[in-house]
Protein backbone atom coordinates (compact mmCIF):
# COMPACT_ATOMS: atom_id res chain seq x y z
CA MET A 1 89.49 142.69 107.56
CA LYS A 2 91.49 139.51 107.82
CA LYS A 3 91.87 137.43 104.68
CA GLU A 4 92.06 133.66 104.89
CA ILE A 5 94.42 131.55 102.80
CA HIS A 6 92.80 128.78 100.80
CA PRO A 7 93.77 125.28 102.13
CA GLY A 8 94.76 124.19 98.61
CA VAL A 9 97.39 126.92 98.48
CA ILE A 10 98.82 125.82 101.83
CA VAL A 11 99.04 122.19 100.68
CA ALA A 12 100.66 123.24 97.39
CA VAL A 13 103.31 125.29 99.23
CA ILE A 14 104.09 122.40 101.60
CA VAL A 15 104.39 119.94 98.69
CA LEU A 16 106.65 122.37 96.82
CA ILE A 17 108.93 122.81 99.84
CA LEU A 18 109.14 119.04 100.35
CA ALA A 19 109.97 118.53 96.67
CA VAL A 20 112.79 121.07 96.87
CA VAL A 21 114.21 119.47 100.04
CA VAL A 22 114.07 115.97 98.54
CA GLY A 23 115.63 117.23 95.30
CA ILE A 24 118.53 118.84 97.15
CA PHE A 25 119.05 115.69 99.22
CA MET A 26 119.08 113.47 96.12
CA THR A 27 121.58 115.63 94.24
CA THR A 28 123.99 115.92 97.16
CA SER A 29 123.86 112.26 98.19
CA ASN A 30 124.69 110.85 94.72
CA GLN A 31 128.14 112.39 94.47
CA GLY A 32 131.15 110.07 94.35
CA THR A 33 129.41 107.00 92.98
CA GLU A 34 131.37 105.77 90.02
CA LYS A 35 131.39 102.37 88.35
CA VAL A 36 134.37 100.09 88.86
CA ASP A 37 135.69 97.89 86.06
CA ILE A 38 136.33 94.47 87.64
CA LYS A 39 138.86 93.60 84.94
CA GLN A 40 141.20 96.32 86.23
CA LEU A 41 141.19 95.05 89.82
CA ASP A 42 143.77 92.66 91.24
CA PRO A 43 142.23 89.15 91.50
CA LYS A 44 143.84 88.67 94.93
CA SER A 45 141.97 91.69 96.29
CA LEU A 46 138.67 90.05 95.30
CA GLU A 47 139.32 86.77 97.14
CA ASP A 48 137.86 86.13 100.57
CA GLY A 49 140.34 85.24 103.27
CA GLU A 50 140.17 82.11 105.37
CA PRO A 51 137.36 82.34 107.92
CA ILE A 52 138.28 82.64 111.58
CA LYS A 53 138.03 79.29 113.28
CA ARG A 54 136.72 78.49 116.74
CA GLY A 55 139.21 79.45 119.44
CA GLU A 56 141.04 82.05 117.36
CA PRO A 57 140.96 85.73 118.36
CA GLY A 58 138.00 87.53 116.83
CA TYR A 59 135.81 84.44 116.55
CA LYS A 60 132.26 84.98 117.73
CA GLU A 61 130.16 81.92 118.43
CA ARG A 62 126.73 81.79 116.93
CA THR A 63 123.79 80.79 119.03
CA THR A 64 123.16 77.90 116.60
CA ASP A 65 126.60 76.32 117.23
CA PRO A 66 126.32 72.97 119.01
CA ASP A 67 127.92 72.74 122.46
């Protein structure tokens, strides 16, 4: 005689497997994130450089630029 598995048990097993997979993903993806103290950084490294001007190499025109 074949026994049937209750649908609630199947759903519980699927939810448990998903929880384990998500838990493993969360613990492995959060490695290497450490806070940086801004006071210890060089102020020159925080400054933005001059933007590239029209005609210089690397400049990409926007579609909103007037002709």
